[in-house]
Amino acid sequence: MPKKSEKGSFCGPIGKGISCCKVESIISVDERGQMVLPKDLRDRANIRPGDKLALVSLDKDGEICCFYLIKSEQLGERVKDFLGPMMKEI
């Protein structure tokens, strides 16, 4: 399991060019099932109106345990680099 760093993120060998993941925000789901990504995160990720994001889920013991948002134009390269090492750990 990855080690928890001093900043509260969990770091480990995630893949080429990706070295850390962390909890960025806690968001709520409204009555219509919608969620809002905080503006500072949208800005840092360069997410603009009209951008397409792929929602990738990870199952553990038959239930979804994690979701990942990936810009659709980066999906092909990122899925292999990002999820491969994590799936080995679970």
PDB file of N, CA and C in Angstrom:
ATOM      1  N   MET A   1       0.842  -1.186   0.000  1.00  0.00           N
ATOM      2  CA  MET A   1       0.000   0.000   0.000  1.00  0.00           C
ATOM      3  C   MET A   1       0.882   1.242   0.000  1.00  0.00           C
ATOM      4  N   PRO A   2       0.497   2.283  -0.747  1.00  0.00           N
ATOM      5  CA  PRO A   2       1.300   3.497  -0.783  1.00  0.00           C
ATOM      6  C   PRO A   2       1.396   4.144   0.593  1.00  0.00           C
ATOM      7  N   LYS A   3       2.504   4.854   0.821  1.00  0.00           N
ATOM      8  CA  LYS A   3       2.720   5.552   2.084  1.00  0.00           C
ATOM      9  C   LYS A   3       1.982   6.880   2.093  1.00  0.00           C
ATOM     10  N   LYS A   4       1.515   7.265   3.285  1.00  0.00           N
ATOM     11  CA  LYS A   4       0.889   8.577   3.425  1.00  0.00           C
ATOM     12  C   LYS A   4       1.984   9.607   3.639  1.00  0.00           C
ATOM     13  N   SER A   5       1.986  10.629   2.809  1.00  0.00           N
ATOM     14  CA  SER A   5       3.017  11.663   2.919  1.00  0.00           C
ATOM     15  C   SER A   5       2.641  12.675   3.995  1.00  0.00           C
ATOM     16  N   GLU A   6       3.543  13.599   4.260  1.00  0.00           N
ATOM     17  CA  GLU A   6       3.313  14.630   5.268  1.00  0.00           C
ATOM     18  C   GLU A   6       2.160  15.557   4.895  1.00  0.00           C
ATOM     19  N   LYS A   7       1.865  15.708   3.615  1.00  0.00           N
ATOM     20  CA  LYS A   7       0.805  16.611   3.179  1.00  0.00           C
ATOM     21  C   LYS A   7      -0.556  15.931   3.146  1.00  0.00           C
ATOM     22  N   GLY A   8      -0.654  14.665   3.529  1.00  0.00           N
ATOM     23  CA  GLY A   8      -1.931  13.985   3.560  1.00  0.00           C
ATOM     24  C   GLY A   8      -2.280  13.268   2.274  1.00  0.00           C
ATOM     25  N   SER A   9      -1.372  13.187   1.340  1.00  0.00           N
ATOM     26  CA  SER A   9      -1.639  12.468   0.104  1.00  0.00           C
ATOM     27  C   SER A   9      -1.013  11.084   0.186  1.00  0.00           C
ATOM     28  N   PHE A  10      -1.502  10.195  -0.641  1.00  0.00           N
ATOM     29  CA  PHE A  10      -0.970   8.848  -0.683  1.00  0.00           C
ATOM     30  C   PHE A  10      -0.122   8.720  -1.935  1.00  0.00           C
ATOM     31  N   CYS A  11       1.154   8.497  -1.732  1.00  0.00           N
ATOM     32  CA  CYS A  11       2.088   8.487  -2.848  1.00  0.00           C
ATOM     33  C   CYS A  11       2.647   7.093  -3.046  1.00  0.00           C
ATOM     34  N   GLY A  12       2.848   6.749  -4.269  1.00  0.00           N
ATOM     35  CA  GLY A  12       3.429   5.469  -4.604  1.00  0.00           C
ATOM     36  C   GLY A  12       3.745   5.434  -6.077  1.00  0.00           C
ATOM     37  N   PRO A  13       4.209   4.304  -6.553  1.00  0.00           N
ATOM     38  CA  PRO A  13       4.553   4.177  -7.974  1.00  0.00           C
ATOM     39  C   PRO A  13       3.295   4.051  -8.818  1.00  0.00           C
ATOM     40  N   ILE A  14       2.700   5.171  -9.225  1.00  0.00           N
ATOM     41  CA  ILE A  14       1.429   5.170  -9.925  1.00  0.00           C
ATOM     42  C   ILE A  14       1.592   5.009 -11.429  1.00  0.00           C
ATOM     43  N   GLY A  15       2.646   5.473 -11.999  1.00  0.00           N
ATOM     44  CA  GLY A  15       2.821   5.348 -13.435  1.00  0.00           C
ATOM     45  C   GLY A  15       3.716   6.433 -13.978  1.00  0.00           C
ATOM     46  N   LYS A  16       3.954   6.344 -15.269  1.00  0.00           N
ATOM     47  CA  LYS A  16       4.847   7.282 -15.942  1.00  0.00           C
ATOM     48  C   LYS A  16       4.321   8.714 -15.833  1.00  0.00           C
ATOM     49  N   GLY A  17       5.085   9.580 -15.171  1.00  0.00           N
ATOM     50  CA  GLY A  17       4.705  10.977 -15.051  1.00  0.00           C
ATOM     51  C   GLY A  17       3.666  11.267 -13.981  1.00  0.00           C
ATOM     52  N   ILE A  18       3.125  10.238 -13.350  1.00  0.00           N
ATOM     53  CA  ILE A  18       2.118  10.417 -12.305  1.00  0.00           C
ATOM     54  C   ILE A  18       2.680   9.810 -11.035  1.00  0.00           C
ATOM     55  N   SER A  19       2.827  10.623  -9.994  1.00  0.00           N
ATOM     56  CA  SER A  19       3.494  10.109  -8.807  1.00  0.00           C
ATOM     57  C   SER A  19       2.669  10.193  -7.541  1.00  0.00           C
ATOM     58  N   CYS A  20       1.551  10.890  -7.548  1.00  0.00           N
ATOM     59  CA  CYS A  20       0.835  11.098  -6.298  1.00  0.00           C
ATOM     60  C   CYS A  20      -0.656  11.273  -6.557  1.00  0.00           C
ATOM     61  N   CYS A  21      -1.452  10.834  -5.625  1.00  0.00           N
ATOM     62  CA  CYS A  21      -2.873  11.160  -5.663  1.00  0.00           C
ATOM     63  C   CYS A  21      -3.264  11.606  -4.263  1.00  0.00           C
ATOM     64  N   LYS A  22      -4.260  12.491  -4.180  1.00  0.00           N
ATOM     65  CA  LYS A  22      -4.672  13.005  -2.880  1.00  0.00           C
ATOM     66  C   LYS A  22      -6.130  13.421  -2.928  1.00  0.00           C
ATOM     67  N   VAL A  23      -6.715  13.557  -1.774  1.00  0.00           N
ATOM     68  CA  VAL A  23      -8.083  14.052  -1.674  1.00  0.00           C
ATOM     69  C   VAL A  23      -8.028  15.555  -1.899  1.00  0.00           C
ATOM     70  N   GLU A  24      -8.647  16.010  -2.972  1.00  0.00           N
ATOM     71  CA  GLU A  24      -8.649  17.432  -3.320  1.00  0.00           C
ATOM     72  C   GLU A  24      -9.834  18.161  -2.707  1.00  0.00           C
ATOM     73  N   SER A  25     -10.964  17.462  -2.592  1.00  0.00           N
ATOM     74  CA  SER A  25     -12.180  18.115  -2.133  1.00  0.00           C
ATOM     75  C   SER A  25     -13.210  17.051  -1.787  1.00  0.00           C
ATOM     76  N   ILE A  26     -14.140  17.399  -0.928  1.00  0.00           N
ATOM     77  CA  ILE A  26     -15.312  16.567  -0.663  1.00  0.00           C
ATOM     78  C   ILE A  26     -16.477  17.285  -1.327  1.00  0.00           C
ATOM     79  N   ILE A  27     -17.188  16.583  -2.215  1.00  0.00           N
ATOM     80  CA  ILE A  27     -18.303  17.199  -2.927  1.00  0.00           C
ATOM     81  C   ILE A  27     -19.589  16.454  -2.597  1.00  0.00           C
ATOM     82  N   SER A  28     -20.715  17.110  -2.808  1.00  0.00           N
ATOM     83  CA  SER A  28     -22.029  16.532  -2.533  1.00  0.00           C
ATOM     84  C   SER A  28     -22.752  16.238  -3.839  1.00  0.00           C
ATOM     85  N   VAL A  29     -23.671  15.300  -3.760  1.00  0.00           N
ATOM     86  CA  VAL A  29     -24.546  14.974  -4.885  1.00  0.00           C
ATOM     87  C   VAL A  29     -25.908  15.581  -4.571  1.00  0.00           C
ATOM     88  N   ASP A  30     -26.468  16.354  -5.518  1.00  0.00           N
ATOM     89  CA  ASP A  30     -27.774  16.963  -5.263  1.00  0.00           C
ATOM     90  C   ASP A  30     -28.904  15.999  -5.621  1.00  0.00           C
ATOM     91  N   GLU A  31     -30.140  16.466  -5.471  1.00  0.00           N
ATOM     92  CA  GLU A  31     -31.316  15.622  -5.709  1.00  0.00           C
ATOM     93  C   GLU A  31     -31.382  15.082  -7.130  1.00  0.00           C
ATOM     94  N   ARG A  32     -30.792  15.790  -8.074  1.00  0.00           N
ATOM     95  CA  ARG A  32     -30.805  15.357  -9.475  1.00  0.00           C
ATOM     96  C   ARG A  32     -29.605  14.489  -9.823  1.00  0.00           C
ATOM     97  N   GLY A  33     -28.756  14.198  -8.836  1.00  0.00           N
ATOM     98  CA  GLY A  33     -27.580  13.365  -9.080  1.00  0.00           C
ATOM     99  C   GLY A  33     -26.390  14.136  -9.618  1.00  0.00           C
ATOM    100  N   GLN A  34     -26.444  15.452  -9.556  1.00  0.00           N
ATOM    101  CA  GLN A  34     -25.369  16.279 -10.097  1.00  0.00           C
ATOM    102  C   GLN A  34     -24.349  16.636  -9.025  1.00  0.00           C
ATOM    103  N   MET A  35     -23.108  16.804  -9.477  1.00  0.00           N
ATOM    104  CA  MET A  35     -22.010  17.216  -8.609  1.00  0.00           C
ATOM    105  C   MET A  35     -21.311  18.398  -9.264  1.00  0.00           C
ATOM    106  N   VAL A  36     -20.698  19.245  -8.459  1.00  0.00           N
ATOM    107  CA  VAL A  36     -19.962  20.396  -8.976  1.00  0.00           C
ATOM    108  C   VAL A  36     -18.493  20.226  -8.620  1.00  0.00           C
ATOM    109  N   LEU A  37     -17.641  20.322  -9.636  1.00  0.00           N
ATOM    110  CA  LEU A  37     -16.200  20.332  -9.383  1.00  0.00           C
ATOM    111  C   LEU A  37     -15.814  21.742  -8.953  1.00  0.00           C
ATOM    112  N   PRO A  38     -15.108  21.887  -7.849  1.00  0.00           N
ATOM    113  CA  PRO A  38     -14.728  23.225  -7.387  1.00  0.00           C
ATOM    114  C   PRO A  38     -13.941  23.994  -8.455  1.00  0.00           C
ATOM    115  N   LYS A  39     -14.192  25.301  -8.515  1.00  0.00           N
ATOM    116  CA  LYS A  39     -13.580  26.148  -9.541  1.00  0.00           C
ATOM    117  C   LYS A  39     -12.060  26.074  -9.532  1.00  0.00           C
ATOM    118  N   ASP A  40     -11.444  26.080  -8.353  1.00  0.00           N
ATOM    119  CA  ASP A  40      -9.981  26.041  -8.316  1.00  0.00           C
ATOM    120  C   ASP A  40      -9.446  24.746  -8.930  1.00  0.00           C
ATOM    121  N   LEU A  41     -10.159  23.639  -8.759  1.00  0.00           N
ATOM    122  CA  LEU A  41      -9.727  22.379  -9.379  1.00  0.00           C
ATOM    123  C   LEU A  41      -9.939  22.405 -10.887  1.00  0.00           C
ATOM    124  N   ARG A  42     -11.081  22.964 -11.329  1.00  0.00           N
ATOM    125  CA  ARG A  42     -11.310  23.087 -12.774  1.00  0.00           C
ATOM    126  C   ARG A  42     -10.223  23.931 -13.412  1.00  0.00           C
ATOM    127  N   ASP A  43      -9.852  25.021 -12.757  1.00  0.00           N
ATOM    128  CA  ASP A  43      -8.797  25.892 -13.290  1.00  0.00           C
ATOM    129  C   ASP A  43      -7.461  25.158 -13.350  1.00  0.00           C
ATOM    130  N   ARG A  44      -7.078  24.487 -12.270  1.00  0.00           N
ATOM    131  CA  ARG A  44      -5.795  23.772 -12.236  1.00  0.00           C
ATOM    132  C   ARG A  44      -5.740  22.650 -13.264  1.00  0.00           C
ATOM    133  N   ALA A  45      -6.892  22.017 -13.519  1.00  0.00           N
ATOM    134  CA  ALA A  45      -6.947  20.922 -14.490  1.00  0.00           C
ATOM    135  C   ALA A  45      -7.243  21.415 -15.900  1.00  0.00           C
ATOM    136  N   ASN A  46      -7.402  22.730 -16.053  1.00  0.00           N
ATOM    137  CA  ASN A  46      -7.711  23.330 -17.354  1.00  0.00           C
ATOM    138  C   ASN A  46      -8.986  22.721 -17.956  1.00  0.00           C
ATOM    139  N   ILE A  47     -10.010  22.552 -17.120  1.00  0.00           N
ATOM    140  CA  ILE A  47     -11.308  22.038 -17.567  1.00  0.00           C
ATOM    141  C   ILE A  47     -12.187  23.238 -17.879  1.00  0.00           C
ATOM    142  N   ARG A  48     -12.679  23.283 -19.104  1.00  0.00           N
ATOM    143  CA  ARG A  48     -13.481  24.400 -19.591  1.00  0.00           C
ATOM    144  C   ARG A  48     -14.876  23.911 -19.980  1.00  0.00           C
ATOM    145  N   PRO A  49     -15.864  24.827 -20.050  1.00  0.00           N
ATOM    146  CA  PRO A  49     -17.201  24.432 -20.493  1.00  0.00           C
ATOM    147  C   PRO A  49     -17.135  23.722 -21.846  1.00  0.00           C
ATOM    148  N   GLY A  50     -17.845  22.625 -21.952  1.00  0.00           N
ATOM    149  CA  GLY A  50     -17.862  21.851 -23.189  1.00  0.00           C
ATOM    150  C   GLY A  50     -16.833  20.739 -23.249  1.00  0.00           C
ATOM    151  N   ASP A  51     -15.852  20.748 -22.340  1.00  0.00           N
ATOM    152  CA  ASP A  51     -14.858  19.665 -22.316  1.00  0.00           C
ATOM    153  C   ASP A  51     -15.544  18.340 -22.016  1.00  0.00           C
ATOM    154  N   LYS A  52     -15.032  17.284 -22.584  1.00  0.00           N
ATOM    155  CA  LYS A  52     -15.537  15.931 -22.340  1.00  0.00           C
ATOM    156  C   LYS A  52     -14.602  15.238 -21.366  1.00  0.00           C
ATOM    157  N   LEU A  53     -15.190  14.611 -20.351  1.00  0.00           N
ATOM    158  CA  LEU A  53     -14.430  13.861 -19.362  1.00  0.00           C
ATOM    159  C   LEU A  53     -14.923  12.422 -19.356  1.00  0.00           C
ATOM    160  N   ALA A  54     -14.004  11.490 -19.265  1.00  0.00           N
ATOM    161  CA  ALA A  54     -14.358  10.079 -19.133  1.00  0.00           C
ATOM    162  C   ALA A  54     -14.446   9.766 -17.645  1.00  0.00           C
ATOM    163  N   LEU A  55     -15.529   9.116 -17.242  1.00  0.00           N
ATOM    164  CA  LEU A  55     -15.695   8.678 -15.860  1.00  0.00           C
ATOM    165  C   LEU A  55     -15.330   7.202 -15.812  1.00  0.00           C
ATOM    166  N   VAL A  56     -14.239   6.902 -15.143  1.00  0.00           N
ATOM    167  CA  VAL A  56     -13.725   5.536 -15.055  1.00  0.00           C
ATOM    168  C   VAL A  56     -13.984   5.039 -13.640  1.00  0.00           C
ATOM    169  N   SER A  57     -14.528   3.829 -13.522  1.00  0.00           N
ATOM    170  CA  SER A  57     -14.795   3.277 -12.195  1.00  0.00           C
ATOM    171  C   SER A  57     -13.882   2.091 -11.935  1.00  0.00           C
ATOM    172  N   LEU A  58     -13.656   1.834 -10.661  1.00  0.00           N
ATOM    173  CA  LEU A  58     -12.845   0.705 -10.229  1.00  0.00           C
ATOM    174  C   LEU A  58     -13.689  -0.124  -9.277  1.00  0.00           C
ATOM    175  N   ASP A  59     -13.830  -1.409  -9.575  1.00  0.00           N
ATOM    176  CA  ASP A  59     -14.612  -2.319  -8.739  1.00  0.00           C
ATOM    177  C   ASP A  59     -13.717  -3.068  -7.777  1.00  0.00           C
ATOM    178  N   LYS A  60     -14.253  -3.299  -6.599  1.00  0.00           N
ATOM    179  CA  LYS A  60     -13.589  -4.152  -5.619  1.00  0.00           C
ATOM    180  C   LYS A  60     -14.676  -4.989  -4.963  1.00  0.00           C
ATOM    181  N   ASP A  61     -14.526  -6.290  -5.001  1.00  0.00           N
ATOM    182  CA  ASP A  61     -15.509  -7.214  -4.428  1.00  0.00           C
ATOM    183  C   ASP A  61     -16.910  -6.970  -4.978  1.00  0.00           C
ATOM    184  N   GLY A  62     -17.014  -6.691  -6.273  1.00  0.00           N
ATOM    185  CA  GLY A  62     -18.301  -6.535  -6.930  1.00  0.00           C
ATOM    186  C   GLY A  62     -18.981  -5.188  -6.739  1.00  0.00           C
ATOM    187  N   GLU A  63     -18.347  -4.261  -6.052  1.00  0.00           N
ATOM    188  CA  GLU A  63     -18.916  -2.931  -5.857  1.00  0.00           C
ATOM    189  C   GLU A  63     -17.936  -1.869  -6.345  1.00  0.00           C
ATOM    190  N   ILE A  64     -18.481  -0.769  -6.843  1.00  0.00           N
ATOM    191  CA  ILE A  64     -17.625   0.341  -7.261  1.00  0.00           C
ATOM    192  C   ILE A  64     -17.047   0.999  -6.016  1.00  0.00           C
ATOM    193  N   CYS A  65     -15.731   1.112  -5.988  1.00  0.00           N
ATOM    194  CA  CYS A  65     -15.076   1.733  -4.828  1.00  0.00           C
ATOM    195  C   CYS A  65     -14.441   3.073  -5.178  1.00  0.00           C
ATOM    196  N   CYS A  66     -14.145   3.310  -6.454  1.00  0.00           N
ATOM    197  CA  CYS A  66     -13.446   4.535  -6.844  1.00  0.00           C
ATOM    198  C   CYS A  66     -13.931   5.019  -8.206  1.00  0.00           C
ATOM    199  N   PHE A  67     -13.914   6.329  -8.377  1.00  0.00           N
ATOM    200  CA  PHE A  67     -14.163   6.964  -9.664  1.00  0.00           C
ATOM    201  C   PHE A  67     -12.962   7.829 -10.013  1.00  0.00           C
ATOM    202  N   TYR A  68     -12.649   7.900 -11.294  1.00  0.00           N
ATOM    203  CA  TYR A  68     -11.591   8.765 -11.802  1.00  0.00           C
ATOM    204  C   TYR A  68     -12.159   9.557 -12.965  1.00  0.00           C
ATOM    205  N   LEU A  69     -11.849  10.829 -13.034  1.00  0.00           N
ATOM    206  CA  LEU A  69     -12.209  11.661 -14.177  1.00  0.00           C
ATOM    207  C   LEU A  69     -10.955  11.908 -14.996  1.00  0.00           C
ATOM    208  N   ILE A  70     -11.048  11.628 -16.291  1.00  0.00           N
ATOM    209  CA  ILE A  70      -9.909  11.796 -17.187  1.00  0.00           C
ATOM    210  C   ILE A  70     -10.399  12.536 -18.423  1.00  0.00           C
ATOM    211  N   LYS A  71      -9.659  13.547 -18.851  1.00  0.00           N
ATOM    212  CA  LYS A  71     -10.030  14.237 -20.087  1.00  0.00           C
ATOM    213  C   LYS A  71     -10.078  13.214 -21.213  1.00  0.00           C
ATOM    214  N   SER A  72     -11.142  13.269 -22.009  1.00  0.00           N
ATOM    215  CA  SER A  72     -11.353  12.230 -23.014  1.00  0.00           C
ATOM    216  C   SER A  72     -10.209  12.133 -24.014  1.00  0.00           C
ATOM    217  N   GLU A  73      -9.573  13.258 -24.341  1.00  0.00           N
ATOM    218  CA  GLU A  73      -8.472  13.199 -25.306  1.00  0.00           C
ATOM    219  C   GLU A  73      -7.230  12.515 -24.729  1.00  0.00           C
ATOM    220  N   GLN A  74      -7.168  12.362 -23.411  1.00  0.00           N
ATOM    221  CA  GLN A  74      -6.034  11.694 -22.770  1.00  0.00           C
ATOM    222  C   GLN A  74      -6.382  10.282 -22.304  1.00  0.00           C
ATOM    223  N   LEU A  75      -7.590   9.846 -22.574  1.00  0.00           N
ATOM    224  CA  LEU A  75      -8.080   8.582 -22.028  1.00  0.00           C
ATOM    225  C   LEU A  75      -7.211   7.393 -22.395  1.00  0.00           C
ATOM    226  N   GLY A  76      -6.895   7.238 -23.658  1.00  0.00           N
ATOM    227  CA  GLY A  76      -6.136   6.071 -24.093  1.00  0.00           C
ATOM    228  C   GLY A  76      -4.824   5.887 -23.369  1.00  0.00           C
ATOM    229  N   GLU A  77      -4.028   6.928 -23.319  1.00  0.00           N
ATOM    230  CA  GLU A  77      -2.717   6.821 -22.672  1.00  0.00           C
ATOM    231  C   GLU A  77      -2.830   6.776 -21.159  1.00  0.00           C
ATOM    232  N   ARG A  78      -3.799   7.472 -20.595  1.00  0.00           N
ATOM    233  CA  ARG A  78      -3.902   7.574 -19.138  1.00  0.00           C
ATOM    234  C   ARG A  78      -4.452   6.309 -18.479  1.00  0.00           C
ATOM    235  N   VAL A  79      -5.397   5.649 -19.103  1.00  0.00           N
ATOM    236  CA  VAL A  79      -5.987   4.471 -18.464  1.00  0.00           C
ATOM    237  C   VAL A  79      -4.918   3.439 -18.153  1.00  0.00           C
ATOM    238  N   LYS A  80      -4.088   3.163 -19.115  1.00  0.00           N
ATOM    239  CA  LYS A  80      -3.032   2.174 -18.896  1.00  0.00           C
ATOM    240  C   LYS A  80      -2.027   2.660 -17.856  1.00  0.00           C
ATOM    241  N   ASP A  81      -1.546   3.886 -17.993  1.00  0.00           N
ATOM    242  CA  ASP A  81      -0.544   4.423 -17.068  1.00  0.00           C
ATOM    243  C   ASP A  81      -1.093   4.621 -15.659  1.00  0.00           C
ATOM    244  N   PHE A  82      -2.329   5.094 -15.569  1.00  0.00           N
ATOM    245  CA  PHE A  82      -2.888   5.500 -14.284  1.00  0.00           C
ATOM    246  C   PHE A  82      -3.479   4.336 -13.495  1.00  0.00           C
ATOM    247  N   LEU A  83      -4.267   3.500 -14.143  1.00  0.00           N
ATOM    248  CA  LEU A  83      -4.985   2.463 -13.409  1.00  0.00           C
ATOM    249  C   LEU A  83      -4.233   1.147 -13.295  1.00  0.00           C
ATOM    250  N   GLY A  84      -3.345   0.859 -14.220  1.00  0.00           N
ATOM    251  CA  GLY A  84      -2.635  -0.419 -14.194  1.00  0.00           C
ATOM    252  C   GLY A  84      -1.966  -0.732 -12.873  1.00  0.00           C
ATOM    253  N   PRO A  85      -1.080   0.124 -12.371  1.00  0.00           N
ATOM    254  CA  PRO A  85      -0.423  -0.166 -11.091  1.00  0.00           C
ATOM    255  C   PRO A  85      -1.385  -0.212  -9.909  1.00  0.00           C
ATOM    256  N   MET A  86      -2.437   0.614  -9.933  1.00  0.00           N
ATOM    257  CA  MET A  86      -3.392   0.599  -8.821  1.00  0.00           C
ATOM    258  C   MET A  86      -4.150  -0.719  -8.764  1.00  0.00           C
ATOM    259  N   MET A  87      -4.509  -1.247  -9.919  1.00  0.00           N
ATOM    260  CA  MET A  87      -5.271  -2.489  -9.960  1.00  0.00           C
ATOM    261  C   MET A  87      -4.444  -3.656  -9.436  1.00  0.00           C
ATOM    262  N   LYS A  88      -3.133  -3.594  -9.597  1.00  0.00           N
ATOM    263  CA  LYS A  88      -2.264  -4.644  -9.072  1.00  0.00           C
ATOM    264  C   LYS A  88      -2.258  -4.653  -7.553  1.00  0.00           C
ATOM    265  N   GLU A  89      -2.422  -3.462  -6.943  1.00  0.00           N
ATOM    266  CA  GLU A  89      -2.378  -3.350  -5.483  1.00  0.00           C
ATOM    267  C   GLU A  89      -3.663  -3.806  -4.821  1.00  0.00           C
ATOM    268  N   ILE A  90      -4.765  -3.794  -5.543  1.00  0.00           N
ATOM    269  CA  ILE A  90      -6.066  -4.132  -4.932  1.00  0.00           C
ATOM    270  C   ILE A  90      -6.345  -5.604  -4.977  1.00  0.00           C
TER     271      ILE A  90
END
